[in-house]
Amino acid sequence: MKRSISAEWLKLRHSRIGIVLAVLPIISLLIGCANYYFNRGVLQNGWYSLWTQVSLLYGEFFLPILIAICCAYVCRLEHLNRNWNMMMTAPVSVASVFLAKLLVVSILILFAQALFMGLYWLAGTLFSLGTFPVETIGWTIRGWYASLSITALQLGLSLRTRSFATPIGISLCAVFIGLGMYTAKLGIFFPFSLLTIGMSVLNQDKLTYVQNILFWVVNMALIIIFASMSIRRLKNKDMVSS
């Protein structure tokens, strides 16, 4: 497992994925802050109004796309020059390969979340909004946790197809499905809707005890299900190719 993680970091050492991780949160913050600035007469709930503006575009669209990009990026090398066959013959388990990619992408997304929160704090400070609401940090952490199930799903898609753009396109379509599931009060069962719930993008009301438990349990169940399905498929693929 340790070797697999080291290999994943080596592949990212000279990449430009860091630029993407920084650009998308920055763009979403700039757009959200502009919307807040020009609508301050209506948006009078301080930090929370600013959160609705900056997190809407980021949490609903940019973050899921960012996850899909990261997953496609960490899988792209395996699809070149039959490198996947070479990896399958290496003395490393299939589970280690998948989990290493999951861990690396989760760290990348954690960096994006930390950057987003830092920019949010900076913007609110510049707008002189007063005392910083600590619960927004919890929303950011919950958003990161919800992103793990999306990551597990997107990694499975990226490992199945050589196309870099196809998994990203699927993620974009899933975003709109997630919005529909959330509106239909079924968002707790869909990973992209869980991201909306976790980051309190559309509703800043505190989750009830039952809702909070369901959020953490269902998301963990989805992570395990998606990861298990992908690992099993990779093992079967290896048996066929050998």
Foldseek 3Di string as FASTA:
>chain_A
DVVLLVVLVVLCVPPPLVVLLQVLLVVLLVQLLVVCVVVVVPQPPQLVSSLLSSCQCCLLPVLLLSLLLLLLSSQQVCLPPVVVLVVLPDPDALLSNLVSSLVVSLVSSVVSLVSNVVSSVVSSVVVVRDDDDPCLVQLSVQLSLLVSLSNLQSNLVSNVDNDSCVSSVVSNVVSVVLVVCVVVVNNLQRSSVLSCVSNVNPHPDDDDPVRVVSSNVNSVVSNVVSSVVSSVVSVVVSVVVD
